[in-house]
PDB file of N, CA and C in Angstrom:
ATOM      1  N   UNK A   1     138.325 105.104 131.852  1.00  0.00           N
ATOM      2  CA  UNK A   1     136.974 104.569 131.986  1.00  0.00           C
ATOM      3  C   UNK A   1     136.119 105.453 132.862  1.00  0.00           C
ATOM      4  N   UNK A   2     134.830 105.404 132.666  1.00  0.00           N
ATOM      5  CA  UNK A   2     133.909 106.211 133.404  1.00  0.00           C
ATOM      6  C   UNK A   2     133.807 105.771 134.855  1.00  0.00           C
ATOM      7  N   UNK A   3     133.560 106.728 135.723  1.00  0.00           N
ATOM      8  CA  UNK A   3     133.497 106.469 137.153  1.00  0.00           C
ATOM      9  C   UNK A   3     132.084 106.629 137.740  1.00  0.00           C
ATOM     10  N   UNK A   4     131.296 107.574 137.168  1.00  0.00           N
ATOM     11  CA  UNK A   4     129.989 107.803 137.722  1.00  0.00           C
ATOM     12  C   UNK A   4     128.996 106.789 137.172  1.00  0.00           C
ATOM     13  N   UNK A   5     127.946 106.571 137.883  1.00  0.00           N
ATOM     14  CA  UNK A   5     126.879 105.585 137.473  1.00  0.00           C
ATOM     15  C   UNK A   5     126.310 106.003 136.164  1.00  0.00           C
ATOM     16  N   UNK A   6     126.009 107.304 136.027  1.00  0.00           N
ATOM     17  CA  UNK A   6     125.371 107.773 134.791  1.00  0.00           C
ATOM     18  C   UNK A   6     126.296 107.604 133.611  1.00  0.00           C
ATOM     19  N   UNK A   7     127.581 107.886 133.770  1.00  0.00           N
ATOM     20  CA  UNK A   7     128.507 107.750 132.637  1.00  0.00           C
ATOM     21  C   UNK A   7     128.790 106.276 132.322  1.00  0.00           C
ATOM     22  N   UNK A   8     128.721 105.429 133.308  1.00  0.00           N
ATOM     23  CA  UNK A   8     128.826 103.983 133.028  1.00  0.00           C
ATOM     24  C   UNK A   8     127.649 103.493 132.201  1.00  0.00           C
ATOM     25  N   UNK A   9     126.458 103.993 132.541  1.00  0.00           N
ATOM     26  CA  UNK A   9     125.270 103.616 131.816  1.00  0.00           C
ATOM     27  C   UNK A   9     125.330 104.132 130.426  1.00  0.00           C
ATOM     28  N   UNK A  10     125.812 105.387 130.213  1.00  0.00           N
ATOM     29  CA  UNK A  10     125.971 105.942 128.847  1.00  0.00           C
ATOM     30  C   UNK A  10     126.930 105.107 128.023  1.00  0.00           C
ATOM     31  N   UNK A  11     127.982 104.602 128.662  1.00  0.00           N
ATOM     32  CA  UNK A  11     128.982 103.825 127.959  1.00  0.00           C
ATOM     33  C   UNK A  11     128.309 102.489 127.529  1.00  0.00           C
ATOM     34  N   UNK A  12     127.534 101.890 128.357  1.00  0.00           N
ATOM     35  CA  UNK A  12     126.814 100.654 128.000  1.00  0.00           C
ATOM     36  C   UNK A  12     125.863 100.942 126.841  1.00  0.00           C
ATOM     37  N   UNK A  13     125.110 102.026 126.906  1.00  0.00           N
ATOM     38  CA  UNK A  13     124.127 102.367 125.845  1.00  0.00           C
ATOM     39  C   UNK A  13     124.863 102.639 124.533  1.00  0.00           C
ATOM     40  N   UNK A  14     126.005 103.238 124.594  1.00  0.00           N
ATOM     41  CA  UNK A  14     126.808 103.530 123.379  1.00  0.00           C
ATOM     42  C   UNK A  14     127.197 102.222 122.685  1.00  0.00           C
ATOM     43  N   UNK A  15     127.594 101.250 123.459  1.00  0.00           N
ATOM     44  CA  UNK A  15     127.998  99.970 122.863  1.00  0.00           C
ATOM     45  C   UNK A  15     126.821  99.331 122.172  1.00  0.00           C
ATOM     46  N   UNK A  16     125.649  99.357 122.830  1.00  0.00           N
ATOM     47  CA  UNK A  16     124.444  98.742 122.210  1.00  0.00           C
ATOM     48  C   UNK A  16     124.036  99.468 120.986  1.00  0.00           C
ATOM     49  N   UNK A  17     124.014 100.771 121.053  1.00  0.00           N
ATOM     50  CA  UNK A  17     123.571 101.568 119.862  1.00  0.00           C
ATOM     51  C   UNK A  17     124.521 101.461 118.735  1.00  0.00           C
ATOM     52  N   UNK A  18     125.811 101.378 119.003  1.00  0.00           N
ATOM     53  CA  UNK A  18     126.805 101.217 117.926  1.00  0.00           C
ATOM     54  C   UNK A  18     126.596  99.900 117.227  1.00  0.00           C
ATOM     55  N   UNK A  19     126.328  98.807 117.950  1.00  0.00           N
ATOM     56  CA  UNK A  19     126.072  97.491 117.302  1.00  0.00           C
ATOM     57  C   UNK A  19     124.831  97.584 116.437  1.00  0.00           C
ATOM     58  N   UNK A  20     123.762  98.236 116.915  1.00  0.00           N
ATOM     59  CA  UNK A  20     122.520  98.354 116.150  1.00  0.00           C
ATOM     60  C   UNK A  20     122.766  99.173 114.860  1.00  0.00           C
ATOM     61  N   UNK A  21     123.450 100.302 115.020  1.00  0.00           N
ATOM     62  CA  UNK A  21     123.755 101.142 113.862  1.00  0.00           C
ATOM     63  C   UNK A  21     124.587 100.409 112.854  1.00  0.00           C
ATOM     64  N   UNK A  22     125.578  99.695 113.318  1.00  0.00           N
ATOM     65  CA  UNK A  22     126.480  98.928 112.394  1.00  0.00           C
ATOM     66  C   UNK A  22     125.698  97.863 111.666  1.00  0.00           C
ATOM     67  N   UNK A  23     124.765  97.190 112.324  1.00  0.00           N
ATOM     68  CA  UNK A  23     123.960  96.153 111.685  1.00  0.00           C
ATOM     69  C   UNK A  23     123.048  96.805 110.612  1.00  0.00           C
ATOM     70  N   UNK A  24     122.475  97.937 110.946  1.00  0.00           N
ATOM     71  CA  UNK A  24     121.578  98.649 109.968  1.00  0.00           C
ATOM     72  C   UNK A  24     122.350  99.083 108.782  1.00  0.00           C
ATOM     73  N   UNK A  25     123.524  99.647 108.940  1.00  0.00           N
ATOM     74  CA  UNK A  25     124.356 100.050 107.810  1.00  0.00           C
ATOM     75  C   UNK A  25     124.780  98.897 106.977  1.00  0.00           C
ATOM     76  N   UNK A  26     125.119  97.805 107.617  1.00  0.00           N
ATOM     77  CA  UNK A  26     125.566  96.626 106.941  1.00  0.00           C
ATOM     78  C   UNK A  26     124.459  96.054 106.094  1.00  0.00           C
ATOM     79  N   UNK A  27     123.251  96.054 106.626  1.00  0.00           N
ATOM     80  CA  UNK A  27     122.076  95.485 105.913  1.00  0.00           C
ATOM     81  C   UNK A  27     121.787  96.367 104.676  1.00  0.00           C
ATOM     82  N   UNK A  28     121.881  97.707 104.848  1.00  0.00           N
ATOM     83  CA  UNK A  28     121.689  98.650 103.757  1.00  0.00           C
ATOM     84  C   UNK A  28     122.751  98.433 102.648  1.00  0.00           C
ATOM     85  N   UNK A  29     123.982  98.309 103.008  1.00  0.00           N
ATOM     86  CA  UNK A  29     125.026  98.115 102.019  1.00  0.00           C
ATOM     87  C   UNK A  29     124.857  96.795 101.279  1.00  0.00           C
ATOM     88  N   UNK A  30     124.458  95.764 102.021  1.00  0.00           N
ATOM     89  CA  UNK A  30     124.231  94.468 101.367  1.00  0.00           C
ATOM     90  C   UNK A  30     123.133  94.433 100.382  1.00  0.00           C
ATOM     91  N   UNK A  31     122.029  95.114 100.710  1.00  0.00           N
ATOM     92  CA  UNK A  31     120.916  95.144  99.782  1.00  0.00           C
ATOM     93  C   UNK A  31     121.225  95.986  98.524  1.00  0.00           C
ATOM     94  N   UNK A  32     121.969  97.086  98.738  1.00  0.00           N
ATOM     95  CA  UNK A  32     122.388  97.916  97.582  1.00  0.00           C
ATOM     96  C   UNK A  32     123.336  97.091  96.682  1.00  0.00           C
ATOM     97  N   UNK A  33     124.210  96.322  97.272  1.00  0.00           N
ATOM     98  CA  UNK A  33     125.171  95.463  96.502  1.00  0.00           C
ATOM     99  C   UNK A  33     124.399  94.405  95.735  1.00  0.00           C
ATOM    100  N   UNK A  34     123.368  93.808  96.343  1.00  0.00           N
ATOM    101  CA  UNK A  34     122.552  92.804  95.733  1.00  0.00           C
ATOM    102  C   UNK A  34     121.851  93.362  94.493  1.00  0.00           C
ATOM    103  N   UNK A  35     121.277  94.556  94.615  1.00  0.00           N
ATOM    104  CA  UNK A  35     120.588  95.232  93.523  1.00  0.00           C
ATOM    105  C   UNK A  35     121.533  95.546  92.422  1.00  0.00           C
ATOM    106  N   UNK A  36     122.712  96.103  92.731  1.00  0.00           N
ATOM    107  CA  UNK A  36     123.698  96.466  91.739  1.00  0.00           C
ATOM    108  C   UNK A  36     124.224  95.202  90.947  1.00  0.00           C
ATOM    109  N   UNK A  37     124.308  94.076  91.681  1.00  0.00           N
ATOM    110  CA  UNK A  37     124.727  92.826  91.044  1.00  0.00           C
ATOM    111  C   UNK A  37     123.635  92.330  90.096  1.00  0.00           C
ATOM    112  N   UNK A  38     122.373  92.479  90.515  1.00  0.00           N
ATOM    113  CA  UNK A  38     121.275  92.090  89.662  1.00  0.00           C
ATOM    114  C   UNK A  38     121.179  92.963  88.380  1.00  0.00           C
ATOM    115  N   UNK A  39     121.478  94.225  88.566  1.00  0.00           N
ATOM    116  CA  UNK A  39     121.471  95.158  87.418  1.00  0.00           C
ATOM    117  C   UNK A  39     122.623  94.739  86.467  1.00  0.00           C
ATOM    118  N   UNK A  40     123.791  94.427  87.028  1.00  0.00           N
ATOM    119  CA  UNK A  40     124.952  94.081  86.198  1.00  0.00           C
ATOM    120  C   UNK A  40     124.667  92.757  85.478  1.00  0.00           C
ATOM    121  N   UNK A  41     123.895  91.850  86.106  1.00  0.00           N
ATOM    122  CA  UNK A  41     123.603  90.543  85.491  1.00  0.00           C
ATOM    123  C   UNK A  41     122.531  90.707  84.442  1.00  0.00           C
ATOM    124  N   UNK A  42     121.718  91.789  84.538  1.00  0.00           N
ATOM    125  CA  UNK A  42     120.674  92.021  83.590  1.00  0.00           C
ATOM    126  C   UNK A  42     119.514  91.115  83.695  1.00  0.00           C
ATOM    127  N   UNK A  43     119.224  90.609  84.845  1.00  0.00           N
ATOM    128  CA  UNK A  43     118.075  89.686  85.037  1.00  0.00           C
ATOM    129  C   UNK A  43     116.851  90.498  85.278  1.00  0.00           C
ATOM    130  N   UNK A  44     116.065  90.749  84.222  1.00  0.00           N
ATOM    131  CA  UNK A  44     114.921  91.669  84.341  1.00  0.00           C
ATOM    132  C   UNK A  44     113.786  91.031  85.156  1.00  0.00           C
ATOM    133  N   UNK A  45     113.702  89.709  85.255  1.00  0.00           N
ATOM    134  CA  UNK A  45     112.622  89.063  85.963  1.00  0.00           C
ATOM    135  C   UNK A  45     112.693  89.364  87.507  1.00  0.00           C
ATOM    136  N   UNK A  46     113.845  89.114  88.064  1.00  0.00           N
ATOM    137  CA  UNK A  46     114.004  89.274  89.505  1.00  0.00           C
ATOM    138  C   UNK A  46     114.349  90.722  89.876  1.00  0.00           C
ATOM    139  N   UNK A  47     114.649  91.564  88.911  1.00  0.00           N
ATOM    140  CA  UNK A  47     115.042  92.932  89.193  1.00  0.00           C
ATOM    141  C   UNK A  47     113.981  93.727  89.905  1.00  0.00           C
ATOM    142  N   UNK A  48     112.700  93.540  89.562  1.00  0.00           N
ATOM    143  CA  UNK A  48     111.619  94.258  90.170  1.00  0.00           C
ATOM    144  C   UNK A  48     111.507  93.951  91.650  1.00  0.00           C
ATOM    145  N   UNK A  49     111.567  92.643  91.976  1.00  0.00           N
ATOM    146  CA  UNK A  49     111.481  92.217  93.382  1.00  0.00           C
ATOM    147  C   UNK A  49     112.681  92.752  94.198  1.00  0.00           C
ATOM    148  N   UNK A  50     113.849  92.657  93.639  1.00  0.00           N
ATOM    149  CA  UNK A  50     115.055  93.137  94.340  1.00  0.00           C
ATOM    150  C   UNK A  50     115.014  94.631  94.541  1.00  0.00           C
ATOM    151  N   UNK A  51     114.474  95.324  93.497  1.00  0.00           N
ATOM    152  CA  UNK A  51     114.360  96.806  93.665  1.00  0.00           C
ATOM    153  C   UNK A  51     113.418  97.184  94.735  1.00  0.00           C
ATOM    154  N   UNK A  52     112.235  96.506  94.827  1.00  0.00           N
ATOM    155  CA  UNK A  52     111.226  96.783  95.859  1.00  0.00           C
ATOM    156  C   UNK A  52     111.801  96.548  97.238  1.00  0.00           C
ATOM    157  N   UNK A  53     112.534  95.473  97.419  1.00  0.00           N
ATOM    158  CA  UNK A  53     113.110  95.155  98.732  1.00  0.00           C
ATOM    159  C   UNK A  53     114.167  96.198  99.077  1.00  0.00           C
ATOM    160  N   UNK A  54     114.908  96.638  98.090  1.00  0.00           N
ATOM    161  CA  UNK A  54     115.972  97.654  98.344  1.00  0.00           C
ATOM    162  C   UNK A  54     115.354  98.967  98.768  1.00  0.00           C
ATOM    163  N   UNK A  55     114.267  99.338  98.082  1.00  0.00           N
ATOM    164  CA  UNK A  55     113.624 100.628  98.401  1.00  0.00           C
ATOM    165  C   UNK A  55     113.036 100.522  99.833  1.00  0.00           C
ATOM    166  N   UNK A  56     112.529  99.349 100.206  1.00  0.00           N
ATOM    167  CA  UNK A  56     112.007  99.176 101.547  1.00  0.00           C
ATOM    168  C   UNK A  56     113.094  99.396 102.608  1.00  0.00           C
ATOM    169  N   UNK A  57     114.266  98.801 102.322  1.00  0.00           N
ATOM    170  CA  UNK A  57     115.400  98.920 103.251  1.00  0.00           C
ATOM    171  C   UNK A  57     115.866 100.345 103.320  1.00  0.00           C
ATOM    172  N   UNK A  58     115.876 101.083 102.182  1.00  0.00           N
ATOM    173  CA  UNK A  58     116.244 102.488 102.166  1.00  0.00           C
ATOM    174  C   UNK A  58     115.276 103.288 102.995  1.00  0.00           C
ATOM    175  N   UNK A  59     113.981 103.056 102.844  1.00  0.00           N
ATOM    176  CA  UNK A  59     113.038 103.802 103.647  1.00  0.00           C
ATOM    177  C   UNK A  59     113.127 103.506 105.118  1.00  0.00           C
ATOM    178  N   UNK A  60     113.417 102.253 105.473  1.00  0.00           N
ATOM    179  CA  UNK A  60     113.572 101.947 106.875  1.00  0.00           C
ATOM    180  C   UNK A  60     114.850 102.543 107.458  1.00  0.00           C
ATOM    181  N   UNK A  61     115.875 102.671 106.644  1.00  0.00           N
ATOM    182  CA  UNK A  61     117.110 103.291 107.117  1.00  0.00           C
ATOM    183  C   UNK A  61     116.941 104.752 107.381  1.00  0.00           C
ATOM    184  N   UNK A  62     116.059 105.379 106.616  1.00  0.00           N
ATOM    185  CA  UNK A  62     115.702 106.783 106.858  1.00  0.00           C
ATOM    186  C   UNK A  62     115.016 106.914 108.193  1.00  0.00           C
ATOM    187  N   UNK A  63     114.050 106.026 108.473  1.00  0.00           N
ATOM    188  CA  UNK A  63     113.312 106.051 109.714  1.00  0.00           C
ATOM    189  C   UNK A  63     114.270 105.790 110.935  1.00  0.00           C
ATOM    190  N   UNK A  64     115.264 104.989 110.704  1.00  0.00           N
ATOM    191  CA  UNK A  64     116.165 104.664 111.806  1.00  0.00           C
ATOM    192  C   UNK A  64     117.328 105.633 111.959  1.00  0.00           C
ATOM    193  N   UNK A  65     117.385 106.628 111.057  1.00  0.00           N
ATOM    194  CA  UNK A  65     118.407 107.617 111.131  1.00  0.00           C
ATOM    195  C   UNK A  65     119.763 107.223 110.545  1.00  0.00           C
ATOM    196  N   UNK A  66     119.798 106.196 109.788  1.00  0.00           N
ATOM    197  CA  UNK A  66     121.081 105.773 109.103  1.00  0.00           C
ATOM    198  C   UNK A  66     121.351 106.686 107.901  1.00  0.00           C
ATOM    199  N   UNK A  67     120.345 107.042 107.163  1.00  0.00           N
ATOM    200  CA  UNK A  67     120.458 107.919 106.018  1.00  0.00           C
ATOM    201  C   UNK A  67     119.530 109.112 106.168  1.00  0.00           C
ATOM    202  N   UNK A  68     119.943 110.207 105.501  1.00  0.00           N
ATOM    203  CA  UNK A  68     119.076 111.352 105.374  1.00  0.00           C
ATOM    204  C   UNK A  68     118.005 111.065 104.278  1.00  0.00           C
ATOM    205  N   UNK A  69     116.858 111.687 104.416  1.00  0.00           N
ATOM    206  CA  UNK A  69     115.747 111.357 103.478  1.00  0.00           C
ATOM    207  C   UNK A  69     116.099 111.732 102.058  1.00  0.00           C
ATOM    208  N   UNK A  70     116.841 112.829 101.853  1.00  0.00           N
ATOM    209  CA  UNK A  70     117.210 113.203 100.518  1.00  0.00           C
ATOM    210  C   UNK A  70     118.249 112.293  99.914  1.00  0.00           C
ATOM    211  N   UNK A  71     119.111 111.747 100.707  1.00  0.00           N
ATOM    212  CA  UNK A  71     120.106 110.777 100.250  1.00  0.00           C
ATOM    213  C   UNK A  71     119.393 109.498  99.760  1.00  0.00           C
ATOM    214  N   UNK A  72     118.477 109.033 100.577  1.00  0.00           N
ATOM    215  CA  UNK A  72     117.725 107.835 100.188  1.00  0.00           C
ATOM    216  C   UNK A  72     116.912 108.074  98.896  1.00  0.00           C
ATOM    217  N   UNK A  73     116.320 109.247  98.786  1.00  0.00           N
ATOM    218  CA  UNK A  73     115.597 109.610  97.625  1.00  0.00           C
ATOM    219  C   UNK A  73     116.474 109.659  96.352  1.00  0.00           C
ATOM    220  N   UNK A  74     117.692 110.149  96.535  1.00  0.00           N
ATOM    221  CA  UNK A  74     118.635 110.195  95.448  1.00  0.00           C
ATOM    222  C   UNK A  74     119.067 108.784  95.030  1.00  0.00           C
ATOM    223  N   UNK A  75     119.305 107.922  95.990  1.00  0.00           N
ATOM    224  CA  UNK A  75     119.645 106.488  95.708  1.00  0.00           C
ATOM    225  C   UNK A  75     118.475 105.815  94.931  1.00  0.00           C
ATOM    226  N   UNK A  76     117.266 106.061  95.430  1.00  0.00           N
ATOM    227  CA  UNK A  76     116.110 105.388  94.753  1.00  0.00           C
ATOM    228  C   UNK A  76     115.934 105.880  93.345  1.00  0.00           C
ATOM    229  N   UNK A  77     116.130 107.153  93.089  1.00  0.00           N
ATOM    230  CA  UNK A  77     115.958 107.699  91.761  1.00  0.00           C
ATOM    231  C   UNK A  77     117.028 107.142  90.830  1.00  0.00           C
ATOM    232  N   UNK A  78     118.218 107.151  91.250  1.00  0.00           N
ATOM    233  CA  UNK A  78     119.296 106.631  90.365  1.00  0.00           C
ATOM    234  C   UNK A  78     119.217 105.145  90.126  1.00  0.00           C
ATOM    235  N   UNK A  79     118.855 104.412  91.160  1.00  0.00           N
ATOM    236  CA  UNK A  79     118.689 102.970  91.001  1.00  0.00           C
ATOM    237  C   UNK A  79     117.490 102.629  90.124  1.00  0.00           C
ATOM    238  N   UNK A  80     116.413 103.422  90.279  1.00  0.00           N
ATOM    239  CA  UNK A  80     115.196 103.182  89.459  1.00  0.00           C
ATOM    240  C   UNK A  80     115.566 103.430  87.957  1.00  0.00           C
ATOM    241  N   UNK A  81     116.343 104.500  87.724  1.00  0.00           N
ATOM    242  CA  UNK A  81     116.742 104.776  86.321  1.00  0.00           C
ATOM    243  C   UNK A  81     117.574 103.616  85.717  1.00  0.00           C
ATOM    244  N   UNK A  82     118.436 103.037  86.515  1.00  0.00           N
ATOM    245  CA  UNK A  82     119.242 101.917  86.056  1.00  0.00           C
ATOM    246  C   UNK A  82     118.383 100.683  85.843  1.00  0.00           C
ATOM    247  N   UNK A  83     117.389 100.455  86.727  1.00  0.00           N
ATOM    248  CA  UNK A  83     116.516  99.328  86.587  1.00  0.00           C
ATOM    249  C   UNK A  83     115.699  99.485  85.292  1.00  0.00           C
ATOM    250  N   UNK A  84     115.160 100.659  85.050  1.00  0.00           N
ATOM    251  CA  UNK A  84     114.371 100.881  83.837  1.00  0.00           C
ATOM    252  C   UNK A  84     115.243 100.761  82.581  1.00  0.00           C
ATOM    253  N   UNK A  85     116.505 101.160  82.662  1.00  0.00           N
ATOM    254  CA  UNK A  85     117.367 100.990  81.479  1.00  0.00           C
ATOM    255  C   UNK A  85     117.587  99.538  81.162  1.00  0.00           C
ATOM    256  N   UNK A  86     117.765  98.675  82.176  1.00  0.00           N
ATOM    257  CA  UNK A  86     117.927  97.278  81.972  1.00  0.00           C
ATOM    258  C   UNK A  86     116.629  96.684  81.370  1.00  0.00           C
ATOM    259  N   UNK A  87     115.479  97.103  81.925  1.00  0.00           N
ATOM    260  CA  UNK A  87     114.216  96.554  81.458  1.00  0.00           C
ATOM    261  C   UNK A  87     113.928  96.965  80.006  1.00  0.00           C
ATOM    262  N   UNK A  88     114.293  98.156  79.619  1.00  0.00           N
ATOM    263  CA  UNK A  88     114.034  98.564  78.244  1.00  0.00           C
ATOM    264  C   UNK A  88     114.995  97.901  77.271  1.00  0.00           C
ATOM    265  N   UNK A  89     116.246  97.660  77.660  1.00  0.00           N
ATOM    266  CA  UNK A  89     117.149  97.027  76.752  1.00  0.00           C
ATOM    267  C   UNK A  89     116.805  95.518  76.585  1.00  0.00           C
ATOM    268  N   UNK A  90     116.220  94.943  77.626  1.00  0.00           N
ATOM    269  CA  UNK A  90     115.824  93.513  77.467  1.00  0.00           C
ATOM    270  C   UNK A  90     114.563  93.417  76.668  1.00  0.00           C
ATOM    271  N   UNK A  91     113.711  94.402  76.758  1.00  0.00           N
ATOM    272  CA  UNK A  91     112.438  94.385  76.004  1.00  0.00           C
ATOM    273  C   UNK A  91     112.685  94.667  74.533  1.00  0.00           C
ATOM    274  N   UNK A  92     113.667  95.435  74.208  1.00  0.00           N
ATOM    275  CA  UNK A  92     113.909  95.847  72.833  1.00  0.00           C
ATOM    276  C   UNK A  92     114.653  94.792  72.019  1.00  0.00           C
TER     277      UNK A  92
END
């Protein structure tokens, strides 16, 4: 265990930041799972709303440092392609 005041403070800060990062990652994974389940179900009505909320969470995770911006962009691109594929198959 740390002995100096500054290292004790850093240890406390690490615990707090770890909890925040874990919550942010968990929220991201949960929203991605929700969108993938909606795509699998093929529900075109709610798919647009779920996709918008997922993109919002992806953008926020970039701001918070959970994801790199190119990674989030790749996720958005691939998910958007899957959403459009579901929308076109339902329309046809």
